[in-house]
Amino acid sequence: LAGFEHKDEIEIEWKSFQLNPDLKTNPDININQYLADI
């Protein structure tokens, strides 16, 4: 976008998505272990 001639005419809208909606937050688990488990 930075190198695009018409960048000032572009509107960006971010939208939500969840890879794992049922995920339970767990600060005690390692991210590698989490990935391995799922």
PDB file of all heavy atoms in Angstrom:
ATOM      1  N   LEU A   1       0.817  -1.205   0.000  1.00  0.00           N
ATOM      2  CA  LEU A   1       0.000   0.000   0.000  1.00  0.00           C
ATOM      3  C   LEU A   1       0.858   1.266   0.000  1.00  0.00           C
ATOM      4  O   LEU A   1       0.523   2.256  -0.653  1.00  0.00           O
ATOM      5  CB  LEU A   1      -0.926  -0.009   1.219  1.00  0.00           C
ATOM      6  CG  LEU A   1      -2.003   1.080   1.266  1.00  0.00           C
ATOM      7  CD1 LEU A   1      -2.936   0.969   0.061  1.00  0.00           C
ATOM      8  CD2 LEU A   1      -2.801   0.981   2.564  1.00  0.00           C
ATOM      9  N   ALA A   2       1.983   1.219   0.715  1.00  0.00           N
ATOM     10  CA  ALA A   2       2.872   2.391   0.786  1.00  0.00           C
ATOM     11  C   ALA A   2       3.395   2.776  -0.590  1.00  0.00           C
ATOM     12  O   ALA A   2       3.636   3.961  -0.861  1.00  0.00           O
ATOM     13  CB  ALA A   2       4.029   2.113   1.736  1.00  0.00           C
ATOM     14  N   GLY A   3       3.578   1.798  -1.464  1.00  0.00           N
ATOM     15  CA  GLY A   3       4.079   2.085  -2.800  1.00  0.00           C
ATOM     16  C   GLY A   3       2.998   2.219  -3.851  1.00  0.00           C
ATOM     17  O   GLY A   3       3.298   2.354  -5.042  1.00  0.00           O
ATOM     18  N   PHE A   4       1.742   2.193  -3.410  1.00  0.00           N
ATOM     19  CA  PHE A   4       0.619   2.255  -4.343  1.00  0.00           C
ATOM     20  C   PHE A   4       0.262   3.712  -4.647  1.00  0.00           C
ATOM     21  O   PHE A   4       0.100   4.531  -3.731  1.00  0.00           O
ATOM     22  CB  PHE A   4      -0.591   1.525  -3.759  1.00  0.00           C
ATOM     23  CG  PHE A   4      -1.748   1.391  -4.692  1.00  0.00           C
ATOM     24  CD1 PHE A   4      -1.595   0.753  -5.918  1.00  0.00           C
ATOM     25  CD2 PHE A   4      -2.993   1.890  -4.352  1.00  0.00           C
ATOM     26  CE1 PHE A   4      -2.671   0.618  -6.792  1.00  0.00           C
ATOM     27  CE2 PHE A   4      -4.074   1.758  -5.205  1.00  0.00           C
ATOM     28  CZ  PHE A   4      -3.899   1.114  -6.434  1.00  0.00           C
ATOM     29  N   GLU A   5       0.149   4.028  -5.905  1.00  0.00           N
ATOM     30  CA  GLU A   5      -0.060   5.419  -6.335  1.00  0.00           C
ATOM     31  C   GLU A   5      -1.317   6.036  -5.737  1.00  0.00           C
ATOM     32  O   GLU A   5      -1.362   7.237  -5.450  1.00  0.00           O
ATOM     33  CB  GLU A   5      -0.123   5.475  -7.866  1.00  0.00           C
ATOM     34  CG  GLU A   5      -0.319   6.865  -8.431  1.00  0.00           C
ATOM     35  CD  GLU A   5      -0.427   6.852  -9.947  1.00  0.00           C
ATOM     36  OE1 GLU A   5      -0.342   5.759 -10.554  1.00  0.00           O
ATOM     37  OE2 GLU A   5      -0.589   7.949 -10.526  1.00  0.00           O
ATOM     38  N   HIS A   6      -2.351   5.226  -5.542  1.00  0.00           N
ATOM     39  CA  HIS A   6      -3.643   5.746  -5.083  1.00  0.00           C
ATOM     40  C   HIS A   6      -3.927   5.359  -3.635  1.00  0.00           C
ATOM     41  O   HIS A   6      -5.082   5.170  -3.258  1.00  0.00           O
ATOM     42  CB  HIS A   6      -4.755   5.232  -5.990  1.00  0.00           C
ATOM     43  CG  HIS A   6      -4.558   5.563  -7.444  1.00  0.00           C
ATOM     44  ND1 HIS A   6      -4.786   6.818  -7.961  1.00  0.00           N
ATOM     45  CD2 HIS A   6      -4.119   4.790  -8.468  1.00  0.00           C
ATOM     46  CE1 HIS A   6      -4.527   6.809  -9.267  1.00  0.00           C
ATOM     47  NE2 HIS A   6      -4.110   5.600  -9.598  1.00  0.00           N
ATOM     48  N   LYS A   7      -2.892   5.251  -2.844  1.00  0.00           N
ATOM     49  CA  LYS A   7      -3.068   4.785  -1.454  1.00  0.00           C
ATOM     50  C   LYS A   7      -4.006   5.678  -0.642  1.00  0.00           C
ATOM     51  O   LYS A   7      -4.668   5.205   0.291  1.00  0.00           O
ATOM     52  CB  LYS A   7      -1.719   4.665  -0.739  1.00  0.00           C
ATOM     53  CG  LYS A   7      -0.895   5.937  -0.644  1.00  0.00           C
ATOM     54  CD  LYS A   7       0.410   5.664   0.103  1.00  0.00           C
ATOM     55  CE  LYS A   7       1.302   6.903   0.185  1.00  0.00           C
ATOM     56  NZ  LYS A   7       1.819   7.285  -1.160  1.00  0.00           N
ATOM     57  N   ASP A   8      -4.083   6.964  -0.992  1.00  0.00           N
ATOM     58  CA  ASP A   8      -4.943   7.873  -0.248  1.00  0.00           C
ATOM     59  C   ASP A   8      -6.423   7.658  -0.556  1.00  0.00           C
ATOM     60  O   ASP A   8      -7.290   8.273   0.089  1.00  0.00           O
ATOM     61  CB  ASP A   8      -4.575   9.329  -0.549  1.00  0.00           C
ATOM     62  CG  ASP A   8      -3.197   9.701  -0.014  1.00  0.00           C
ATOM     63  OD1 ASP A   8      -2.739   9.046   0.933  1.00  0.00           O
ATOM     64  OD2 ASP A   8      -2.579  10.641  -0.558  1.00  0.00           O
ATOM     65  N   GLU A   9      -6.697   6.806  -1.517  1.00  0.00           N
ATOM     66  CA  GLU A   9      -8.089   6.508  -1.870  1.00  0.00           C
ATOM     67  C   GLU A   9      -8.495   5.109  -1.415  1.00  0.00           C
ATOM     68  O   GLU A   9      -9.500   4.572  -1.883  1.00  0.00           O
ATOM     69  CB  GLU A   9      -8.288   6.651  -3.377  1.00  0.00           C
ATOM     70  CG  GLU A   9      -8.057   8.062  -3.891  1.00  0.00           C
ATOM     71  CD  GLU A   9      -8.207   8.178  -5.390  1.00  0.00           C
ATOM     72  OE1 GLU A   9      -9.347   8.058  -5.892  1.00  0.00           O
ATOM     73  OE2 GLU A   9      -7.181   8.365  -6.081  1.00  0.00           O
ATOM     74  N   ILE A  10      -7.728   4.537  -0.495  1.00  0.00           N
ATOM     75  CA  ILE A  10      -7.999   3.199   0.030  1.00  0.00           C
ATOM     76  C   ILE A  10      -8.452   3.305   1.476  1.00  0.00           C
ATOM     77  O   ILE A  10      -7.812   3.955   2.297  1.00  0.00           O
ATOM     78  CB  ILE A  10      -6.754   2.297  -0.044  1.00  0.00           C
ATOM     79  CG1 ILE A  10      -6.228   2.217  -1.485  1.00  0.00           C
ATOM     80  CG2 ILE A  10      -7.060   0.913   0.503  1.00  0.00           C
ATOM     81  CD1 ILE A  10      -7.176   1.592  -2.470  1.00  0.00           C
ATOM     82  N   GLU A  11      -9.570   2.658   1.787  1.00  0.00           N
ATOM     83  CA  GLU A  11     -10.071   2.578   3.162  1.00  0.00           C
ATOM     84  C   GLU A  11      -9.911   1.141   3.656  1.00  0.00           C
ATOM     85  O   GLU A  11     -10.340   0.199   2.993  1.00  0.00           O
ATOM     86  CB  GLU A  11     -11.551   2.971   3.219  1.00  0.00           C
ATOM     87  CG  GLU A  11     -12.183   2.801   4.592  1.00  0.00           C
ATOM     88  CD  GLU A  11     -13.684   2.995   4.577  1.00  0.00           C
ATOM     89  OE1 GLU A  11     -14.237   3.311   3.506  1.00  0.00           O
ATOM     90  OE2 GLU A  11     -14.315   2.804   5.630  1.00  0.00           O
ATOM     91  N   ILE A  12      -9.296   0.976   4.825  1.00  0.00           N
ATOM     92  CA  ILE A  12      -9.050  -0.351   5.378  1.00  0.00           C
ATOM     93  C   ILE A  12     -10.001  -0.604   6.543  1.00  0.00           C
ATOM     94  O   ILE A  12     -10.129   0.239   7.437  1.00  0.00           O
ATOM     95  CB  ILE A  12      -7.597  -0.506   5.842  1.00  0.00           C
ATOM     96  CG1 ILE A  12      -6.645  -0.349   4.661  1.00  0.00           C
ATOM     97  CG2 ILE A  12      -7.378  -1.856   6.521  1.00  0.00           C
ATOM     98  CD1 ILE A  12      -5.188  -0.318   5.047  1.00  0.00           C
ATOM     99  N   GLU A  13     -10.645  -1.742   6.533  1.00  0.00           N
ATOM    100  CA  GLU A  13     -11.508  -2.139   7.647  1.00  0.00           C
ATOM    101  C   GLU A  13     -11.096  -3.520   8.140  1.00  0.00           C
ATOM    102  O   GLU A  13     -11.101  -4.488   7.388  1.00  0.00           O
ATOM    103  CB  GLU A  13     -12.986  -2.164   7.237  1.00  0.00           C
ATOM    104  CG  GLU A  13     -13.898  -2.567   8.386  1.00  0.00           C
ATOM    105  CD  GLU A  13     -15.366  -2.584   8.007  1.00  0.00           C
ATOM    106  OE1 GLU A  13     -15.680  -2.294   6.835  1.00  0.00           O
ATOM    107  OE2 GLU A  13     -16.195  -2.898   8.876  1.00  0.00           O
ATOM    108  N   TRP A  14     -10.726  -3.590   9.421  1.00  0.00           N
ATOM    109  CA  TRP A  14     -10.361  -4.868  10.028  1.00  0.00           C
ATOM    110  C   TRP A  14     -11.606  -5.576  10.532  1.00  0.00           C
ATOM    111  O   TRP A  14     -12.502  -4.953  11.099  1.00  0.00           O
ATOM    112  CB  TRP A  14      -9.390  -4.643  11.177  1.00  0.00           C
ATOM    113  CG  TRP A  14      -8.020  -4.266  10.703  1.00  0.00           C
ATOM    114  CD1 TRP A  14      -7.556  -3.010  10.431  1.00  0.00           C
ATOM    115  CD2 TRP A  14      -6.946  -5.156  10.404  1.00  0.00           C
ATOM    116  NE1 TRP A  14      -6.258  -3.068   9.981  1.00  0.00           N
ATOM    117  CE2 TRP A  14      -5.854  -4.371   9.958  1.00  0.00           C
ATOM    118  CE3 TRP A  14      -6.790  -6.550  10.473  1.00  0.00           C
ATOM    119  CZ2 TRP A  14      -4.641  -4.930   9.588  1.00  0.00           C
ATOM    120  CZ3 TRP A  14      -5.574  -7.108  10.109  1.00  0.00           C
ATOM    121  CH2 TRP A  14      -4.518  -6.303   9.668  1.00  0.00           C
ATOM    122  N   LYS A  15     -11.635  -6.905  10.332  1.00  0.00           N
ATOM    123  CA  LYS A  15     -12.780  -7.710  10.748  1.00  0.00           C
ATOM    124  C   LYS A  15     -12.301  -8.877  11.609  1.00  0.00           C
ATOM    125  O   LYS A  15     -11.200  -9.394  11.431  1.00  0.00           O
ATOM    126  CB  LYS A  15     -13.528  -8.229   9.527  1.00  0.00           C
ATOM    127  CG  LYS A  15     -14.031  -7.132   8.604  1.00  0.00           C
ATOM    128  CD  LYS A  15     -15.499  -7.295   8.322  1.00  0.00           C
ATOM    129  CE  LYS A  15     -16.045  -6.154   7.491  1.00  0.00           C
ATOM    130  NZ  LYS A  15     -17.481  -6.288   7.242  1.00  0.00           N
ATOM    131  N   SER A  16     -13.160  -9.274  12.521  1.00  0.00           N
ATOM    132  CA  SER A  16     -12.797 -10.307  13.493  1.00  0.00           C
ATOM    133  C   SER A  16     -12.925 -11.718  12.930  1.00  0.00           C
ATOM    134  O   SER A  16     -13.809 -12.005  12.120  1.00  0.00           O
ATOM    135  CB  SER A  16     -13.687 -10.191  14.733  1.00  0.00           C
ATOM    136  OG  SER A  16     -13.575  -8.927  15.332  1.00  0.00           O
ATOM    137  N   PHE A  17     -12.045 -12.580  13.406  1.00  0.00           N
ATOM    138  CA  PHE A  17     -12.066 -14.004  13.086  1.00  0.00           C
ATOM    139  C   PHE A  17     -11.438 -14.722  14.280  1.00  0.00           C
ATOM    140  O   PHE A  17     -10.524 -14.183  14.917  1.00  0.00           O
ATOM    141  CB  PHE A  17     -11.258 -14.281  11.817  1.00  0.00           C
ATOM    142  CG  PHE A  17     -11.432 -15.673  11.256  1.00  0.00           C
ATOM    143  CD1 PHE A  17     -12.394 -15.924  10.296  1.00  0.00           C
ATOM    144  CD2 PHE A  17     -10.629 -16.719  11.681  1.00  0.00           C
ATOM    145  CE1 PHE A  17     -12.552 -17.198   9.763  1.00  0.00           C
ATOM    146  CE2 PHE A  17     -10.785 -17.988  11.166  1.00  0.00           C
ATOM    147  CZ  PHE A  17     -11.750 -18.234  10.191  1.00  0.00           C
ATOM    148  N   GLN A  18     -11.934 -15.903  14.608  1.00  0.00           N
ATOM    149  CA  GLN A  18     -11.342 -16.675  15.688  1.00  0.00           C
ATOM    150  C   GLN A  18     -10.931 -18.051  15.189  1.00  0.00           C
ATOM    151  O   GLN A  18     -11.758 -18.813  14.685  1.00  0.00           O
ATOM    152  CB  GLN A  18     -12.308 -16.821  16.858  1.00  0.00           C
ATOM    153  CG  GLN A  18     -12.378 -15.580  17.741  1.00  0.00           C
ATOM    154  CD  GLN A  18     -12.921 -15.892  19.116  1.00  0.00           C
ATOM    155  OE1 GLN A  18     -14.100 -16.150  19.267  1.00  0.00           O
ATOM    156  NE2 GLN A  18     -12.042 -15.868  20.114  1.00  0.00           N
ATOM    157  N   LEU A  19      -9.651 -18.345  15.323  1.00  0.00           N
ATOM    158  CA  LEU A  19      -9.142 -19.649  14.911  1.00  0.00           C
ATOM    159  C   LEU A  19      -9.630 -20.747  15.842  1.00  0.00           C
ATOM    160  O   LEU A  19      -9.849 -21.881  15.415  1.00  0.00           O
ATOM    161  CB  LEU A  19      -7.611 -19.622  14.892  1.00  0.00           C
ATOM    162  CG  LEU A  19      -6.991 -18.695  13.851  1.00  0.00           C
ATOM    163  CD1 LEU A  19      -5.493 -18.558  14.092  1.00  0.00           C
ATOM    164  CD2 LEU A  19      -7.255 -19.211  12.446  1.00  0.00           C
ATOM    165  N   ASN A  20      -9.786 -20.422  17.116  1.00  0.00           N
ATOM    166  CA  ASN A  20     -10.240 -21.400  18.101  1.00  0.00           C
ATOM    167  C   ASN A  20     -11.178 -20.709  19.094  1.00  0.00           C
ATOM    168  O   ASN A  20     -10.761 -20.313  20.177  1.00  0.00           O
ATOM    169  CB  ASN A  20      -9.043 -22.020  18.831  1.00  0.00           C
ATOM    170  CG  ASN A  20      -9.441 -23.168  19.731  1.00  0.00           C
ATOM    171  OD1 ASN A  20     -10.623 -23.456  19.903  1.00  0.00           O
ATOM    172  ND2 ASN A  20      -8.465 -23.849  20.301  1.00  0.00           N
ATOM    173  N   PRO A  21     -12.460 -20.585  18.738  1.00  0.00           N
ATOM    174  CA  PRO A  21     -13.410 -19.879  19.600  1.00  0.00           C
ATOM    175  C   PRO A  21     -13.565 -20.517  20.986  1.00  0.00           C
ATOM    176  O   PRO A  21     -13.915 -19.829  21.945  1.00  0.00           O
ATOM    177  CB  PRO A  21     -14.726 -19.955  18.820  1.00  0.00           C
ATOM    178  CG  PRO A  21     -14.336 -20.238  17.406  1.00  0.00           C
ATOM    179  CD  PRO A  21     -13.090 -21.055  17.491  1.00  0.00           C
ATOM    180  N   ASP A  22     -13.329 -21.821  21.086  1.00  0.00           N
ATOM    181  CA  ASP A  22     -13.528 -22.534  22.346  1.00  0.00           C
ATOM    182  C   ASP A  22     -12.277 -22.568  23.218  1.00  0.00           C
ATOM    183  O   ASP A  22     -12.274 -23.191  24.282  1.00  0.00           O
ATOM    184  CB  ASP A  22     -13.984 -23.976  22.067  1.00  0.00           C
ATOM    185  CG  ASP A  22     -15.306 -24.020  21.305  1.00  0.00           C
ATOM    186  OD1 ASP A  22     -16.181 -23.179  21.598  1.00  0.00           O
ATOM    187  OD2 ASP A  22     -15.452 -24.877  20.416  1.00  0.00           O
ATOM    188  N   LEU A  23     -11.232 -21.911  22.779  1.00  0.00           N
ATOM    189  CA  LEU A  23      -9.980 -21.915  23.531  1.00  0.00           C
ATOM    190  C   LEU A  23     -10.167 -21.316  24.923  1.00  0.00           C
ATOM    191  O   LEU A  23     -10.758 -20.249  25.083  1.00  0.00           O
ATOM    192  CB  LEU A  23      -8.924 -21.109  22.765  1.00  0.00           C
ATOM    193  CG  LEU A  23      -7.612 -20.798  23.491  1.00  0.00           C
ATOM    194  CD1 LEU A  23      -6.851 -22.083  23.782  1.00  0.00           C
ATOM    195  CD2 LEU A  23      -6.761 -19.840  22.676  1.00  0.00           C
ATOM    196  N   LYS A  24      -9.652 -22.005  25.927  1.00  0.00           N
ATOM    197  CA  LYS A  24      -9.653 -21.502  27.291  1.00  0.00           C
ATOM    198  C   LYS A  24      -8.302 -20.847  27.561  1.00  0.00           C
ATOM    199  O   LYS A  24      -7.254 -21.468  27.376  1.00  0.00           O
ATOM    200  CB  LYS A  24      -9.879 -22.637  28.283  1.00  0.00           C
ATOM    201  CG  LYS A  24     -11.160 -23.440  28.056  1.00  0.00           C
ATOM    202  CD  LYS A  24     -12.394 -22.564  28.232  1.00  0.00           C
ATOM    203  CE  LYS A  24     -13.679 -23.405  28.056  1.00  0.00           C
ATOM    204  NZ  LYS A  24     -14.902 -22.569  28.131  1.00  0.00           N
ATOM    205  N   THR A  25      -8.343 -19.601  27.986  1.00  0.00           N
ATOM    206  CA  THR A  25      -7.107 -18.888  28.309  1.00  0.00           C
ATOM    207  C   THR A  25      -6.349 -19.620  29.413  1.00  0.00           C
ATOM    208  O   THR A  25      -6.916 -19.961  30.444  1.00  0.00           O
ATOM    209  CB  THR A  25      -7.421 -17.452  28.753  1.00  0.00           C
ATOM    210  OG1 THR A  25      -8.064 -16.768  27.670  1.00  0.00           O
ATOM    211  CG2 THR A  25      -6.158 -16.704  29.140  1.00  0.00           C
ATOM    212  N   ASN A  26      -5.058 -19.870  29.151  1.00  0.00           N
ATOM    213  CA  ASN A  26      -4.245 -20.626  30.120  1.00  0.00           C
ATOM    214  C   ASN A  26      -2.809 -20.102  30.097  1.00  0.00           C
ATOM    215  O   ASN A  26      -1.998 -20.542  29.286  1.00  0.00           O
ATOM    216  CB  ASN A  26      -4.275 -22.117  29.789  1.00  0.00           C
ATOM    217  CG  ASN A  26      -3.560 -22.958  30.821  1.00  0.00           C
ATOM    218  OD1 ASN A  26      -2.948 -22.436  31.751  1.00  0.00           O
ATOM    219  ND2 ASN A  26      -3.631 -24.272  30.678  1.00  0.00           N
ATOM    220  N   PRO A  27      -2.477 -19.176  30.989  1.00  0.00           N
ATOM    221  CA  PRO A  27      -1.119 -18.610  31.026  1.00  0.00           C
ATOM    222  C   PRO A  27      -0.054 -19.625  31.413  1.00  0.00           C
ATOM    223  O   PRO A  27       1.139 -19.346  31.266  1.00  0.00           O
ATOM    224  CB  PRO A  27      -1.226 -17.505  32.096  1.00  0.00           C
ATOM    225  CG  PRO A  27      -2.687 -17.216  32.216  1.00  0.00           C
ATOM    226  CD  PRO A  27      -3.372 -18.517  31.953  1.00  0.00           C
ATOM    227  N   ASP A  28      -0.472 -20.798  31.905  1.00  0.00           N
ATOM    228  CA  ASP A  28       0.496 -21.781  32.404  1.00  0.00           C
ATOM    229  C   ASP A  28       0.982 -22.762  31.339  1.00  0.00           C
ATOM    230  O   ASP A  28       1.906 -23.536  31.587  1.00  0.00           O
ATOM    231  CB  ASP A  28      -0.107 -22.576  33.568  1.00  0.00           C
ATOM    232  CG  ASP A  28      -0.459 -21.690  34.756  1.00  0.00           C
ATOM    233  OD1 ASP A  28       0.308 -20.742  35.014  1.00  0.00           O
ATOM    234  OD2 ASP A  28      -1.505 -21.938  35.395  1.00  0.00           O
ATOM    235  N   ILE A  29       0.351 -22.744  30.165  1.00  0.00           N
ATOM    236  CA  ILE A  29       0.732 -23.702  29.132  1.00  0.00           C
ATOM    237  C   ILE A  29       1.661 -23.044  28.122  1.00  0.00           C
ATOM    238  O   ILE A  29       1.489 -21.877  27.758  1.00  0.00           O
ATOM    239  CB  ILE A  29      -0.512 -24.289  28.416  1.00  0.00           C
ATOM    240  CG1 ILE A  29      -0.120 -25.434  27.477  1.00  0.00           C
ATOM    241  CG2 ILE A  29      -1.261 -23.213  27.664  1.00  0.00           C
ATOM    242  CD1 ILE A  29      -1.302 -26.158  26.882  1.00  0.00           C
ATOM    243  N   ASN A  30       2.655 -23.792  27.665  1.00  0.00           N
ATOM    244  CA  ASN A  30       3.592 -23.310  26.657  1.00  0.00           C
ATOM    245  C   ASN A  30       2.921 -23.309  25.289  1.00  0.00           C
ATOM    246  O   ASN A  30       2.161 -24.215  24.952  1.00  0.00           O
ATOM    247  CB  ASN A  30       4.838 -24.210  26.660  1.00  0.00           C
ATOM    248  CG  ASN A  30       5.856 -23.794  25.629  1.00  0.00           C
ATOM    249  OD1 ASN A  30       5.761 -24.172  24.467  1.00  0.00           O
ATOM    250  ND2 ASN A  30       6.835 -23.022  26.063  1.00  0.00           N
ATOM    251  N   ILE A  31       3.208 -22.287  24.469  1.00  0.00           N
ATOM    252  CA  ILE A  31       2.569 -22.174  23.162  1.00  0.00           C
ATOM    253  C   ILE A  31       2.896 -23.354  22.262  1.00  0.00           C
ATOM    254  O   ILE A  31       2.060 -23.796  21.468  1.00  0.00           O
ATOM    255  CB  ILE A  31       2.961 -20.839  22.467  1.00  0.00           C
ATOM    256  CG1 ILE A  31       2.088 -20.585  21.231  1.00  0.00           C
ATOM    257  CG2 ILE A  31       4.440 -20.817  22.110  1.00  0.00           C
ATOM    258  CD1 ILE A  31       0.657 -20.268  21.540  1.00  0.00           C
ATOM    259  N   ASN A  32       4.097 -23.911  22.414  1.00  0.00           N
ATOM    260  CA  ASN A  32       4.456 -25.090  21.618  1.00  0.00           C
ATOM    261  C   ASN A  32       3.622 -26.296  22.038  1.00  0.00           C
ATOM    262  O   ASN A  32       3.201 -27.092  21.187  1.00  0.00           O
ATOM    263  CB  ASN A  32       5.944 -25.394  21.763  1.00  0.00           C
ATOM    264  CG  ASN A  32       6.821 -24.327  21.155  1.00  0.00           C
ATOM    265  OD1 ASN A  32       6.465 -23.700  20.164  1.00  0.00           O
ATOM    266  ND2 ASN A  32       7.990 -24.092  21.750  1.00  0.00           N
ATOM    267  N   GLN A  33       3.388 -26.415  23.325  1.00  0.00           N
ATOM    268  CA  GLN A  33       2.567 -27.523  23.814  1.00  0.00           C
ATOM    269  C   GLN A  33       1.130 -27.374  23.328  1.00  0.00           C
ATOM    270  O   GLN A  33       0.492 -28.348  22.921  1.00  0.00           O
ATOM    271  CB  GLN A  33       2.593 -27.568  25.347  1.00  0.00           C
ATOM    272  CG  GLN A  33       1.823 -28.741  25.952  1.00  0.00           C
ATOM    273  CD  GLN A  33       2.441 -30.077  25.585  1.00  0.00           C
ATOM    274  OE1 GLN A  33       3.601 -30.337  25.911  1.00  0.00           O
ATOM    275  NE2 GLN A  33       1.678 -30.928  24.901  1.00  0.00           N
ATOM    276  N   TYR A  34       0.631 -26.150  23.365  1.00  0.00           N
ATOM    277  CA  TYR A  34      -0.734 -25.886  22.887  1.00  0.00           C
ATOM    278  C   TYR A  34      -0.869 -26.263  21.420  1.00  0.00           C
ATOM    279  O   TYR A  34      -1.821 -26.954  21.024  1.00  0.00           O
ATOM    280  CB  TYR A  34      -1.081 -24.411  23.085  1.00  0.00           C
ATOM    281  CG  TYR A  34      -2.261 -23.943  22.264  1.00  0.00           C
ATOM    282  CD1 TYR A  34      -3.559 -24.317  22.599  1.00  0.00           C
ATOM    283  CD2 TYR A  34      -2.071 -23.141  21.129  1.00  0.00           C
ATOM    284  CE1 TYR A  34      -4.638 -23.906  21.833  1.00  0.00           C
ATOM    285  CE2 TYR A  34      -3.149 -22.721  20.366  1.00  0.00           C
ATOM    286  CZ  TYR A  34      -4.430 -23.105  20.722  1.00  0.00           C
ATOM    287  OH  TYR A  34      -5.497 -22.708  19.952  1.00  0.00           O
ATOM    288  N   LEU A  35       0.081 -25.834  20.600  1.00  0.00           N
ATOM    289  CA  LEU A  35       0.030 -26.136  19.174  1.00  0.00           C
ATOM    290  C   LEU A  35       0.112 -27.637  18.929  1.00  0.00           C
ATOM    291  O   LEU A  35      -0.613 -28.190  18.094  1.00  0.00           O
ATOM    292  CB  LEU A  35       1.171 -25.420  18.449  1.00  0.00           C
ATOM    293  CG  LEU A  35       1.202 -25.528  16.927  1.00  0.00           C
ATOM    294  CD1 LEU A  35      -0.051 -24.948  16.313  1.00  0.00           C
ATOM    295  CD2 LEU A  35       2.442 -24.823  16.363  1.00  0.00           C
ATOM    296  N   ALA A  36       0.985 -28.305  19.678  1.00  0.00           N
ATOM    297  CA  ALA A  36       1.126 -29.763  19.544  1.00  0.00           C
ATOM    298  C   ALA A  36      -0.172 -30.471  19.913  1.00  0.00           C
ATOM    299  O   ALA A  36      -0.596 -31.428  19.243  1.00  0.00           O
ATOM    300  CB  ALA A  36       2.275 -30.256  20.418  1.00  0.00           C
ATOM    301  N   ASP A  37      -0.815 -30.003  20.958  1.00  0.00           N
ATOM    302  CA  ASP A  37      -2.051 -30.644  21.429  1.00  0.00           C
ATOM    303  C   ASP A  37      -3.179 -30.512  20.407  1.00  0.00           C
ATOM    304  O   ASP A  37      -3.916 -31.472  20.161  1.00  0.00           O
ATOM    305  CB  ASP A  37      -2.491 -30.025  22.758  1.00  0.00           C
ATOM    306  CG  ASP A  37      -1.586 -30.418  23.916  1.00  0.00           C
ATOM    307  OD1 ASP A  37      -0.812 -31.387  23.765  1.00  0.00           O
ATOM    308  OD2 ASP A  37      -1.655 -29.746  24.969  1.00  0.00           O
ATOM    309  N   ILE A  38      -3.342 -29.322  19.817  1.00  0.00           N
ATOM    310  CA  ILE A  38      -4.476 -29.133  18.902  1.00  0.00           C
ATOM    311  C   ILE A  38      -4.198 -29.694  17.510  1.00  0.00           C
ATOM    312  O   ILE A  38      -5.140 -30.025  16.782  1.00  0.00           O
ATOM    313  CB  ILE A  38      -4.879 -27.650  18.804  1.00  0.00           C
ATOM    314  CG1 ILE A  38      -3.761 -26.810  18.168  1.00  0.00           C
ATOM    315  CG2 ILE A  38      -5.280 -27.095  20.154  1.00  0.00           C
ATOM    316  CD1 ILE A  38      -4.203 -25.395  17.815  1.00  0.00           C
TER     317      ILE A  38
END
